PDB file of N, CA and C in Angstrom:
ATOM      1  N   UNK A   1       5.919   4.438 -20.970  1.00  0.00           N
ATOM      2  CA  UNK A   1       4.798   3.425 -20.071  1.00  0.00           C
ATOM      3  C   UNK A   1       4.061   3.189 -21.324  1.00  0.00           C
ATOM      4  N   UNK A   2       3.774   4.249 -22.513  1.00  0.00           N
ATOM      5  CA  UNK A   2       2.786   3.665 -23.670  1.00  0.00           C
ATOM      6  C   UNK A   2       3.708   2.369 -24.405  1.00  0.00           C
ATOM      7  N   UNK A   3       4.722   2.797 -24.535  1.00  0.00           N
ATOM      8  CA  UNK A   3       5.780   1.955 -25.430  1.00  0.00           C
ATOM      9  C   UNK A   3       5.946   0.571 -24.491  1.00  0.00           C
ATOM     10  N   UNK A   4       5.343   0.644 -23.253  1.00  0.00           N
ATOM     11  CA  UNK A   4       5.302  -0.856 -22.814  1.00  0.00           C
ATOM     12  C   UNK A   4       3.814  -1.542 -22.924  1.00  0.00           C
ATOM     13  N   UNK A   5       3.116  -0.359 -23.326  1.00  0.00           N
ATOM     14  CA  UNK A   5       1.459  -1.455 -23.582  1.00  0.00           C
ATOM     15  C   UNK A   5       0.821  -0.641 -22.406  1.00  0.00           C
ATOM     16  N   UNK A   6       0.904   0.315 -21.694  1.00  0.00           N
ATOM     17  CA  UNK A   6       0.123   0.917 -20.838  1.00  0.00           C
ATOM     18  C   UNK A   6      -1.064   1.910 -21.610  1.00  0.00           C
ATOM     19  N   UNK A   7      -1.891   1.693 -21.093  1.00  0.00           N
ATOM     20  CA  UNK A   7      -3.153   2.428 -22.225  1.00  0.00           C
ATOM     21  C   UNK A   7      -3.165   3.888 -21.403  1.00  0.00           C
ATOM     22  N   UNK A   8      -3.681   4.699 -22.023  1.00  0.00           N
ATOM     23  CA  UNK A   8      -3.962   6.209 -22.184  1.00  0.00           C
ATOM     24  C   UNK A   8      -4.185   6.699 -20.806  1.00  0.00           C
ATOM     25  N   UNK A   9      -5.114   6.259 -19.878  1.00  0.00           N
ATOM     26  CA  UNK A   9      -5.697   6.591 -18.523  1.00  0.00           C
ATOM     27  C   UNK A   9      -4.698   6.001 -17.802  1.00  0.00           C
ATOM     28  N   UNK A  10      -4.180   4.652 -17.693  1.00  0.00           N
ATOM     29  CA  UNK A  10      -2.931   4.821 -16.505  1.00  0.00           C
ATOM     30  C   UNK A  10      -1.514   5.602 -16.954  1.00  0.00           C
ATOM     31  N   UNK A  11      -1.174   5.785 -17.920  1.00  0.00           N
ATOM     32  CA  UNK A  11      -0.266   7.211 -18.272  1.00  0.00           C
ATOM     33  C   UNK A  11      -0.406   8.016 -17.651  1.00  0.00           C
ATOM     34  N   UNK A  12      -1.810   8.867 -17.944  1.00  0.00           N
ATOM     35  CA  UNK A  12      -2.126   9.996 -17.191  1.00  0.00           C
ATOM     36  C   UNK A  12      -2.103  10.053 -15.762  1.00  0.00           C
ATOM     37  N   UNK A  13      -2.439   8.863 -15.438  1.00  0.00           N
ATOM     38  CA  UNK A  13      -2.677   8.959 -13.608  1.00  0.00           C
ATOM     39  C   UNK A  13      -1.450   8.533 -13.366  1.00  0.00           C
ATOM     40  N   UNK A  14      -0.454   8.177 -13.895  1.00  0.00           N
ATOM     41  CA  UNK A  14       1.137   8.582 -13.276  1.00  0.00           C
ATOM     42  C   UNK A  14       1.696   9.253 -13.536  1.00  0.00           C
ATOM     43  N   UNK A  15       0.822  10.175 -14.138  1.00  0.00           N
ATOM     44  CA  UNK A  15       1.139  11.547 -14.862  1.00  0.00           C
ATOM     45  C   UNK A  15       1.690  12.830 -13.437  1.00  0.00           C
ATOM     46  N   UNK A  16       0.265  12.763 -13.075  1.00  0.00           N
ATOM     47  CA  UNK A  16      -0.007  13.139 -11.397  1.00  0.00           C
ATOM     48  C   UNK A  16       0.841  13.505 -10.881  1.00  0.00           C
ATOM     49  N   UNK A  17       1.060  14.776  -9.954  1.00  0.00           N
ATOM     50  CA  UNK A  17       1.889  15.049  -9.195  1.00  0.00           C
ATOM     51  C   UNK A  17       1.772  13.766  -7.626  1.00  0.00           C
ATOM     52  N   UNK A  18       0.293  14.166  -7.887  1.00  0.00           N
ATOM     53  CA  UNK A  18       0.173  13.415  -5.868  1.00  0.00           C
ATOM     54  C   UNK A  18      -0.879  11.791  -6.255  1.00  0.00           C
ATOM     55  N   UNK A  19      -0.071  11.533  -7.256  1.00  0.00           N
ATOM     56  CA  UNK A  19      -0.816  10.046  -7.526  1.00  0.00           C
ATOM     57  C   UNK A  19      -0.524   8.929  -6.230  1.00  0.00           C
ATOM     58  N   UNK A  20      -1.492   8.664  -5.787  1.00  0.00           N
ATOM     59  CA  UNK A  20      -1.464   7.314  -4.888  1.00  0.00           C
ATOM     60  C   UNK A  20      -2.197   6.214  -5.034  1.00  0.00           C
ATOM     61  N   UNK A  21      -1.209   4.977  -4.951  1.00  0.00           N
ATOM     62  CA  UNK A  21      -1.711   3.607  -5.108  1.00  0.00           C
ATOM     63  C   UNK A  21      -3.444   3.790  -4.537  1.00  0.00           C
ATOM     64  N   UNK A  22      -4.570   3.076  -5.293  1.00  0.00           N
ATOM     65  CA  UNK A  22      -5.426   2.799  -4.534  1.00  0.00           C
ATOM     66  C   UNK A  22      -5.503   1.790  -3.668  1.00  0.00           C
ATOM     67  N   UNK A  23      -4.166   1.137  -3.526  1.00  0.00           N
ATOM     68  CA  UNK A  23      -4.681   0.258  -2.196  1.00  0.00           C
ATOM     69  C   UNK A  23      -2.978  -0.283  -1.844  1.00  0.00           C
ATOM     70  N   UNK A  24      -2.668  -1.033  -1.060  1.00  0.00           N
ATOM     71  CA  UNK A  24      -1.190  -1.496  -0.829  1.00  0.00           C
ATOM     72  C   UNK A  24      -0.943  -2.280  -1.928  1.00  0.00           C
ATOM     73  N   UNK A  25      -1.686  -2.936  -2.621  1.00  0.00           N
ATOM     74  CA  UNK A  25      -1.434  -3.959  -3.538  1.00  0.00           C
ATOM     75  C   UNK A  25      -1.050  -3.458  -4.525  1.00  0.00           C
ATOM     76  N   UNK A  26      -1.533  -1.699  -5.024  1.00  0.00           N
ATOM     77  CA  UNK A  26      -1.471  -1.732  -6.383  1.00  0.00           C
ATOM     78  C   UNK A  26      -0.408  -0.377  -6.209  1.00  0.00           C
ATOM     79  N   UNK A  27       0.535  -1.220  -7.310  1.00  0.00           N
ATOM     80  CA  UNK A  27       1.929  -0.506  -7.699  1.00  0.00           C
ATOM     81  C   UNK A  27       2.294  -0.669  -8.855  1.00  0.00           C
ATOM     82  N   UNK A  28       3.217   0.818  -9.546  1.00  0.00           N
ATOM     83  CA  UNK A  28       3.772   0.424 -11.031  1.00  0.00           C
ATOM     84  C   UNK A  28       5.245  -0.486 -10.856  1.00  0.00           C
ATOM     85  N   UNK A  29       5.299  -1.553 -11.548  1.00  0.00           N
ATOM     86  CA  UNK A  29       6.305  -1.718 -11.513  1.00  0.00           C
ATOM     87  C   UNK A  29       7.353  -1.877 -13.370  1.00  0.00           C
ATOM     88  N   UNK A  30       8.674  -0.624 -13.279  1.00  0.00           N
ATOM     89  CA  UNK A  30       9.255  -0.614 -14.613  1.00  0.00           C
ATOM     90  C   UNK A  30       9.382  -1.926 -15.229  1.00  0.00           C
ATOM     91  N   UNK A  31       9.563  -1.900 -16.642  1.00  0.00           N
ATOM     92  CA  UNK A  31       9.367  -3.351 -17.264  1.00  0.00           C
ATOM     93  C   UNK A  31      10.676  -4.342 -17.077  1.00  0.00           C
ATOM     94  N   UNK A  32      11.442  -3.254 -16.766  1.00  0.00           N
ATOM     95  CA  UNK A  32      13.219  -3.390 -16.488  1.00  0.00           C
ATOM     96  C   UNK A  32      13.135  -4.582 -15.137  1.00  0.00           C
ATOM     97  N   UNK A  33      12.824  -4.308 -13.938  1.00  0.00           N
ATOM     98  CA  UNK A  33      12.639  -4.370 -13.044  1.00  0.00           C
ATOM     99  C   UNK A  33      11.690  -6.353 -12.518  1.00  0.00           C
ATOM    100  N   UNK A  34      10.478  -6.130 -13.952  1.00  0.00           N
ATOM    101  CA  UNK A  34       9.443  -7.140 -13.413  1.00  0.00           C
ATOM    102  C   UNK A  34       9.816  -8.164 -13.234  1.00  0.00           C
ATOM    103  N   UNK A  35      10.830  -8.739 -13.827  1.00  0.00           N
ATOM    104  CA  UNK A  35      11.745 -10.278 -13.531  1.00  0.00           C
ATOM    105  C   UNK A  35      11.803 -10.287 -12.178  1.00  0.00           C
ATOM    106  N   UNK A  36      12.840  -9.592 -11.532  1.00  0.00           N
ATOM    107  CA  UNK A  36      13.213  -9.235 -10.275  1.00  0.00           C
ATOM    108  C   UNK A  36      12.031  -9.133  -8.793  1.00  0.00           C
ATOM    109  N   UNK A  37      11.266  -8.332  -9.694  1.00  0.00           N
ATOM    110  CA  UNK A  37       9.661  -8.127  -8.518  1.00  0.00           C
ATOM    111  C   UNK A  37       8.660  -9.539  -8.459  1.00  0.00           C
ATOM    112  N   UNK A  38       8.847 -10.412  -9.441  1.00  0.00           N
ATOM    113  CA  UNK A  38       7.928 -11.347  -9.505  1.00  0.00           C
ATOM    114  C   UNK A  38       9.096 -12.596  -8.813  1.00  0.00           C
ATOM    115  N   UNK A  39      10.173 -12.706  -8.668  1.00  0.00           N
ATOM    116  CA  UNK A  39      11.003 -13.775  -8.151  1.00  0.00           C
ATOM    117  C   UNK A  39      11.073 -12.946  -6.730  1.00  0.00           C
ATOM    118  N   UNK A  40      10.774 -11.867  -6.289  1.00  0.00           N
ATOM    119  CA  UNK A  40      10.680 -11.706  -4.858  1.00  0.00           C
ATOM    120  C   UNK A  40       9.783 -11.718  -4.267  1.00  0.00           C
ATOM    121  N   UNK A  41       8.673 -11.866  -5.111  1.00  0.00           N
ATOM    122  CA  UNK A  41       7.594 -11.837  -4.318  1.00  0.00           C
ATOM    123  C   UNK A  41       7.166 -13.224  -3.994  1.00  0.00           C
ATOM    124  N   UNK A  42       8.147 -14.013  -4.890  1.00  0.00           N
ATOM    125  CA  UNK A  42       7.870 -15.847  -4.268  1.00  0.00           C
ATOM    126  C   UNK A  42       8.182 -16.230  -3.870  1.00  0.00           C
ATOM    127  N   UNK A  43       9.598 -15.670  -2.974  1.00  0.00           N
ATOM    128  CA  UNK A  43      10.663 -16.244  -2.412  1.00  0.00           C
ATOM    129  C   UNK A  43      10.443 -16.427  -1.303  1.00  0.00           C
ATOM    130  N   UNK A  44      10.671 -17.735  -0.658  1.00  0.00           N
ATOM    131  CA  UNK A  44      10.965 -17.489   1.199  1.00  0.00           C
ATOM    132  C   UNK A  44      11.805 -17.066   1.841  1.00  0.00           C
ATOM    133  N   UNK A  45      11.549 -16.185   2.809  1.00  0.00           N
ATOM    134  CA  UNK A  45      12.459 -15.388   3.397  1.00  0.00           C
ATOM    135  C   UNK A  45      13.325 -16.621   4.559  1.00  0.00           C
ATOM    136  N   UNK A  46      14.530 -16.556   4.858  1.00  0.00           N
ATOM    137  CA  UNK A  46      15.216 -17.408   6.161  1.00  0.00           C
ATOM    138  C   UNK A  46      15.062 -16.114   7.164  1.00  0.00           C
ATOM    139  N   UNK A  47      14.417 -17.202   8.268  1.00  0.00           N
ATOM    140  CA  UNK A  47      14.155 -16.751   9.461  1.00  0.00           C
ATOM    141  C   UNK A  47      14.882 -17.158  10.444  1.00  0.00           C
ATOM    142  N   UNK A  48      14.544 -16.639  11.660  1.00  0.00           N
ATOM    143  CA  UNK A  48      15.380 -17.267  12.693  1.00  0.00           C
ATOM    144  C   UNK A  48      15.432 -16.706  13.893  1.00  0.00           C
ATOM    145  N   UNK A  49      14.257 -18.260  14.740  1.00  0.00           N
ATOM    146  CA  UNK A  49      13.449 -17.512  15.880  1.00  0.00           C
ATOM    147  C   UNK A  49      14.481 -17.717  16.758  1.00  0.00           C
ATOM    148  N   UNK A  50      14.124 -16.583  17.972  1.00  0.00           N
ATOM    149  CA  UNK A  50      15.686 -16.429  18.905  1.00  0.00           C
ATOM    150  C   UNK A  50      14.530 -16.631  20.456  1.00  0.00           C
ATOM    151  N   UNK A  51      14.617 -17.211  21.062  1.00  0.00           N
ATOM    152  CA  UNK A  51      14.187 -17.491  22.465  1.00  0.00           C
ATOM    153  C   UNK A  51      14.380 -15.981  23.564  1.00  0.00           C
ATOM    154  N   UNK A  52      13.454 -15.604  23.913  1.00  0.00           N
ATOM    155  CA  UNK A  52      14.161 -14.149  25.094  1.00  0.00           C
ATOM    156  C   UNK A  52      12.883 -14.637  26.254  1.00  0.00           C
ATOM    157  N   UNK A  53      13.143 -13.446  26.874  1.00  0.00           N
ATOM    158  CA  UNK A  53      12.382 -13.589  28.841  1.00  0.00           C
ATOM    159  C   UNK A  53      10.672 -13.975  27.805  1.00  0.00           C
ATOM    160  N   UNK A  54      10.111 -12.986  27.280  1.00  0.00           N
ATOM    161  CA  UNK A  54       8.804 -13.410  27.167  1.00  0.00           C
ATOM    162  C   UNK A  54       8.393 -14.192  25.894  1.00  0.00           C
ATOM    163  N   UNK A  55       8.981 -14.918  25.252  1.00  0.00           N
ATOM    164  CA  UNK A  55       8.941 -15.727  24.344  1.00  0.00           C
ATOM    165  C   UNK A  55       9.701 -16.143  23.284  1.00  0.00           C
ATOM    166  N   UNK A  56       9.317 -15.777  22.217  1.00  0.00           N
ATOM    167  CA  UNK A  56      10.839 -15.545  20.860  1.00  0.00           C
ATOM    168  C   UNK A  56      10.599 -14.613  19.711  1.00  0.00           C
ATOM    169  N   UNK A  57      11.598 -14.375  19.611  1.00  0.00           N
ATOM    170  CA  UNK A  57      12.016 -13.283  18.706  1.00  0.00           C
ATOM    171  C   UNK A  57      12.229 -13.701  16.943  1.00  0.00           C
ATOM    172  N   UNK A  58      11.162 -13.648  15.707  1.00  0.00           N
ATOM    173  CA  UNK A  58      11.516 -13.904  14.598  1.00  0.00           C
ATOM    174  C   UNK A  58      12.681 -12.890  14.021  1.00  0.00           C
ATOM    175  N   UNK A  59      13.482 -13.123  13.866  1.00  0.00           N
ATOM    176  CA  UNK A  59      14.530 -12.374  12.694  1.00  0.00           C
ATOM    177  C   UNK A  59      14.544 -12.732  11.545  1.00  0.00           C
ATOM    178  N   UNK A  60      14.559 -11.774  10.731  1.00  0.00           N
ATOM    179  CA  UNK A  60      14.549 -12.473   9.038  1.00  0.00           C
ATOM    180  C   UNK A  60      15.922 -11.655   8.792  1.00  0.00           C
ATOM    181  N   UNK A  61      16.533 -12.940   8.392  1.00  0.00           N
ATOM    182  CA  UNK A  61      17.833 -12.878   7.942  1.00  0.00           C
ATOM    183  C   UNK A  61      18.180 -12.336   6.399  1.00  0.00           C
ATOM    184  N   UNK A  62      17.198 -12.984   5.279  1.00  0.00           N
ATOM    185  CA  UNK A  62      17.216 -12.697   3.934  1.00  0.00           C
ATOM    186  C   UNK A  62      16.875 -13.901   2.814  1.00  0.00           C
ATOM    187  N   UNK A  63      16.954 -13.477   1.567  1.00  0.00           N
ATOM    188  CA  UNK A  63      16.865 -14.506   0.718  1.00  0.00           C
ATOM    189  C   UNK A  63      18.085 -14.981   0.353  1.00  0.00           C
ATOM    190  N   UNK A  64      17.688 -16.522   0.367  1.00  0.00           N
ATOM    191  CA  UNK A  64      19.293 -17.256  -0.392  1.00  0.00           C
ATOM    192  C   UNK A  64      18.920 -17.214  -1.834  1.00  0.00           C
ATOM    193  N   UNK A  65      20.620 -16.996  -2.263  1.00  0.00           N
ATOM    194  CA  UNK A  65      20.662 -16.882  -3.690  1.00  0.00           C
ATOM    195  C   UNK A  65      20.047 -18.418  -4.257  1.00  0.00           C
ATOM    196  N   UNK A  66      20.304 -19.363  -3.639  1.00  0.00           N
ATOM    197  CA  UNK A  66      19.542 -20.702  -4.016  1.00  0.00           C
ATOM    198  C   UNK A  66      18.028 -20.585  -4.306  1.00  0.00           C
ATOM    199  N   UNK A  67      17.316 -20.228  -3.332  1.00  0.00           N
ATOM    200  CA  UNK A  67      16.375 -19.663  -3.788  1.00  0.00           C
ATOM    201  C   UNK A  67      16.063 -19.032  -4.645  1.00  0.00           C
ATOM    202  N   UNK A  68      16.641 -17.644  -4.715  1.00  0.00           N
ATOM    203  CA  UNK A  68      16.266 -16.969  -5.719  1.00  0.00           C
ATOM    204  C   UNK A  68      16.162 -17.499  -7.183  1.00  0.00           C
ATOM    205  N   UNK A  69      17.405 -18.486  -7.365  1.00  0.00           N
ATOM    206  CA  UNK A  69      17.694 -19.388  -8.785  1.00  0.00           C
ATOM    207  C   UNK A  69      16.805 -20.102  -8.834  1.00  0.00           C
ATOM    208  N   UNK A  70      16.543 -21.014  -7.851  1.00  0.00           N
ATOM    209  CA  UNK A  70      15.346 -21.868  -8.074  1.00  0.00           C
ATOM    210  C   UNK A  70      13.516 -21.257  -8.383  1.00  0.00           C
ATOM    211  N   UNK A  71      13.578 -20.230  -7.670  1.00  0.00           N
ATOM    212  CA  UNK A  71      11.853 -19.526  -8.295  1.00  0.00           C
ATOM    213  C   UNK A  71      12.084 -18.951  -9.757  1.00  0.00           C
ATOM    214  N   UNK A  72      13.809 -18.335  -9.787  1.00  0.00           N
ATOM    215  CA  UNK A  72      13.409 -17.676 -11.606  1.00  0.00           C
ATOM    216  C   UNK A  72      13.446 -18.673 -12.672  1.00  0.00           C
ATOM    217  N   UNK A  73      13.943 -19.642 -11.838  1.00  0.00           N
ATOM    218  CA  UNK A  73      14.184 -21.109 -12.972  1.00  0.00           C
ATOM    219  C   UNK A  73      12.675 -21.643 -13.145  1.00  0.00           C
ATOM    220  N   UNK A  74      11.950 -21.375 -12.274  1.00  0.00           N
ATOM    221  CA  UNK A  74      10.466 -21.978 -11.546  1.00  0.00           C
ATOM    222  C   UNK A  74       9.314 -20.865 -12.969  1.00  0.00           C
ATOM    223  N   UNK A  75      10.250 -19.853 -12.884  1.00  0.00           N
ATOM    224  CA  UNK A  75       9.168 -18.497 -13.581  1.00  0.00           C
ATOM    225  C   UNK A  75       9.484 -18.820 -14.877  1.00  0.00           C
ATOM    226  N   UNK A  76      10.384 -19.266 -15.560  1.00  0.00           N
ATOM    227  CA  UNK A  76      11.007 -19.361 -16.789  1.00  0.00           C
ATOM    228  C   UNK A  76      11.954 -18.161 -17.235  1.00  0.00           C
ATOM    229  N   UNK A  77      12.488 -17.812 -16.451  1.00  0.00           N
ATOM    230  CA  UNK A  77      13.230 -16.835 -16.878  1.00  0.00           C
ATOM    231  C   UNK A  77      14.499 -17.065 -17.108  1.00  0.00           C
ATOM    232  N   UNK A  78      14.963 -16.640 -18.534  1.00  0.00           N
ATOM    233  CA  UNK A  78      16.298 -16.973 -19.186  1.00  0.00           C
ATOM    234  C   UNK A  78      17.548 -16.942 -18.138  1.00  0.00           C
ATOM    235  N   UNK A  79      18.364 -17.678 -18.060  1.00  0.00           N
ATOM    236  CA  UNK A  79      19.481 -17.893 -17.250  1.00  0.00           C
ATOM    237  C   UNK A  79      20.395 -16.904 -17.470  1.00  0.00           C
ATOM    238  N   UNK A  80      20.423 -16.323 -18.310  1.00  0.00           N
ATOM    239  CA  UNK A  80      21.426 -15.169 -18.804  1.00  0.00           C
ATOM    240  C   UNK A  80      20.914 -13.808 -17.822  1.00  0.00           C
ATOM    241  N   UNK A  81      19.523 -13.909 -17.003  1.00  0.00           N
ATOM    242  CA  UNK A  81      19.110 -12.655 -16.769  1.00  0.00           C
ATOM    243  C   UNK A  81      19.410 -13.050 -15.278  1.00  0.00           C
ATOM    244  N   UNK A  82      19.778 -14.280 -14.560  1.00  0.00           N
ATOM    245  CA  UNK A  82      19.932 -14.660 -13.299  1.00  0.00           C
ATOM    246  C   UNK A  82      20.135 -13.351 -12.264  1.00  0.00           C
ATOM    247  N   UNK A  83      21.795 -13.226 -12.913  1.00  0.00           N
ATOM    248  CA  UNK A  83      22.846 -12.361 -12.375  1.00  0.00           C
ATOM    249  C   UNK A  83      22.401 -10.788 -11.908  1.00  0.00           C
ATOM    250  N   UNK A  84      21.433 -10.371 -12.855  1.00  0.00           N
ATOM    251  CA  UNK A  84      20.802  -9.137 -12.914  1.00  0.00           C
ATOM    252  C   UNK A  84      18.938  -9.507 -11.913  1.00  0.00           C
ATOM    253  N   UNK A  85      18.577 -10.659 -11.959  1.00  0.00           N
ATOM    254  CA  UNK A  85      17.704 -10.432 -10.856  1.00  0.00           C
ATOM    255  C   UNK A  85      18.097 -10.818  -9.797  1.00  0.00           C
ATOM    256  N   UNK A  86      19.000 -11.302  -9.204  1.00  0.00           N
ATOM    257  CA  UNK A  86      19.160 -11.604  -7.936  1.00  0.00           C
ATOM    258  C   UNK A  86      20.047 -10.337  -7.747  1.00  0.00           C
ATOM    259  N   UNK A  87      20.469  -9.296  -8.411  1.00  0.00           N
ATOM    260  CA  UNK A  87      20.819  -7.600  -7.968  1.00  0.00           C
ATOM    261  C   UNK A  87      19.616  -7.295  -7.518  1.00  0.00           C
ATOM    262  N   UNK A  88      18.476  -7.052  -8.605  1.00  0.00           N
ATOM    263  CA  UNK A  88      17.600  -6.627  -8.064  1.00  0.00           C
ATOM    264  C   UNK A  88      16.320  -7.265  -6.979  1.00  0.00           C
ATOM    265  N   UNK A  89      16.630  -8.651  -6.252  1.00  0.00           N
ATOM    266  CA  UNK A  89      16.252  -8.977  -5.278  1.00  0.00           C
ATOM    267  C   UNK A  89      16.898  -8.295  -4.279  1.00  0.00           C
ATOM    268  N   UNK A  90      17.994  -8.748  -3.880  1.00  0.00           N
ATOM    269  CA  UNK A  90      19.224  -8.311  -3.114  1.00  0.00           C
ATOM    270  C   UNK A  90      18.882  -7.022  -2.824  1.00  0.00           C
ATOM    271  N   UNK A  91      18.703  -6.169  -3.992  1.00  0.00           N
ATOM    272  CA  UNK A  91      18.379  -4.433  -3.501  1.00  0.00           C
ATOM    273  C   UNK A  91      17.021  -4.475  -2.981  1.00  0.00           C
ATOM    274  N   UNK A  92      16.194  -5.132  -3.358  1.00  0.00           N
ATOM    275  CA  UNK A  92      14.653  -5.046  -2.418  1.00  0.00           C
ATOM    276  C   UNK A  92      14.546  -5.680  -1.049  1.00  0.00           C
ATOM    277  N   UNK A  93      15.460  -6.533  -0.957  1.00  0.00           N
ATOM    278  CA  UNK A  93      15.878  -7.180   0.594  1.00  0.00           C
ATOM    279  C   UNK A  93      16.465  -6.482   1.534  1.00  0.00           C
ATOM    280  N   UNK A  94      17.498  -5.507   0.764  1.00  0.00           N
ATOM    281  CA  UNK A  94      18.141  -5.044   1.349  1.00  0.00           C
ATOM    282  C   UNK A  94      17.192  -3.500   2.051  1.00  0.00           C
ATOM    283  N   UNK A  95      16.190  -3.418   1.429  1.00  0.00           N
ATOM    284  CA  UNK A  95      15.070  -2.671   1.832  1.00  0.00           C
ATOM    285  C   UNK A  95      14.135  -2.649   2.779  1.00  0.00           C
ATOM    286  N   UNK A  96      13.876  -3.786   3.022  1.00  0.00           N
ATOM    287  CA  UNK A  96      12.687  -4.499   3.242  1.00  0.00           C
ATOM    288  C   UNK A  96      13.361  -5.093   5.220  1.00  0.00           C
ATOM    289  N   UNK A  97      14.740  -6.017   4.609  1.00  0.00           N
ATOM    290  CA  UNK A  97      15.305  -6.152   6.115  1.00  0.00           C
ATOM    291  C   UNK A  97      14.774  -5.212   7.294  1.00  0.00           C
ATOM    292  N   UNK A  98      15.590  -3.912   7.255  1.00  0.00           N
ATOM    293  CA  UNK A  98      14.829  -3.195   8.590  1.00  0.00           C
ATOM    294  C   UNK A  98      13.788  -3.206   9.061  1.00  0.00           C
ATOM    295  N   UNK A  99      12.906  -3.111   8.035  1.00  0.00           N
ATOM    296  CA  UNK A  99      11.562  -2.786   8.403  1.00  0.00           C
ATOM    297  C   UNK A  99      10.822  -4.400   8.640  1.00  0.00           C
ATOM    298  N   UNK A 100      11.204  -5.216   8.225  1.00  0.00           N
ATOM    299  CA  UNK A 100      11.240  -6.539   8.825  1.00  0.00           C
ATOM    300  C   UNK A 100      11.340  -6.849  10.205  1.00  0.00           C
ATOM    301  N   UNK A 101      12.589  -6.322  11.043  1.00  0.00           N
ATOM    302  CA  UNK A 101      13.012  -6.966  11.780  1.00  0.00           C
ATOM    303  C   UNK A 101      13.088  -5.381  12.924  1.00  0.00           C
ATOM    304  N   UNK A 102      12.051  -5.382  13.109  1.00  0.00           N
ATOM    305  CA  UNK A 102      11.520  -3.511  13.668  1.00  0.00           C
ATOM    306  C   UNK A 102      11.324  -4.503  15.009  1.00  0.00           C
TER     307      UNK A 102
END
């Protein structure tokens, strides 16, 4: 982590076995994943509203590849990284979908 500019205090904090983020917004992102995380956090999810007997249920379907490309371009991510960024976004999306659609 030091190679990527983290200060000594942060390095020590992550070495602790029982490190817990200070709040839900505090998490560490490896530099290799930073572009995918930046894109993922800014993308809009495709949603489907399904009527049922008690009103309606919103089902999250995912993030469109065009949305990923547009956001990546707006963030200035080089085009040669788009495939890697898309793969990272898909990985996070696949983890999030079952949790969003509980």
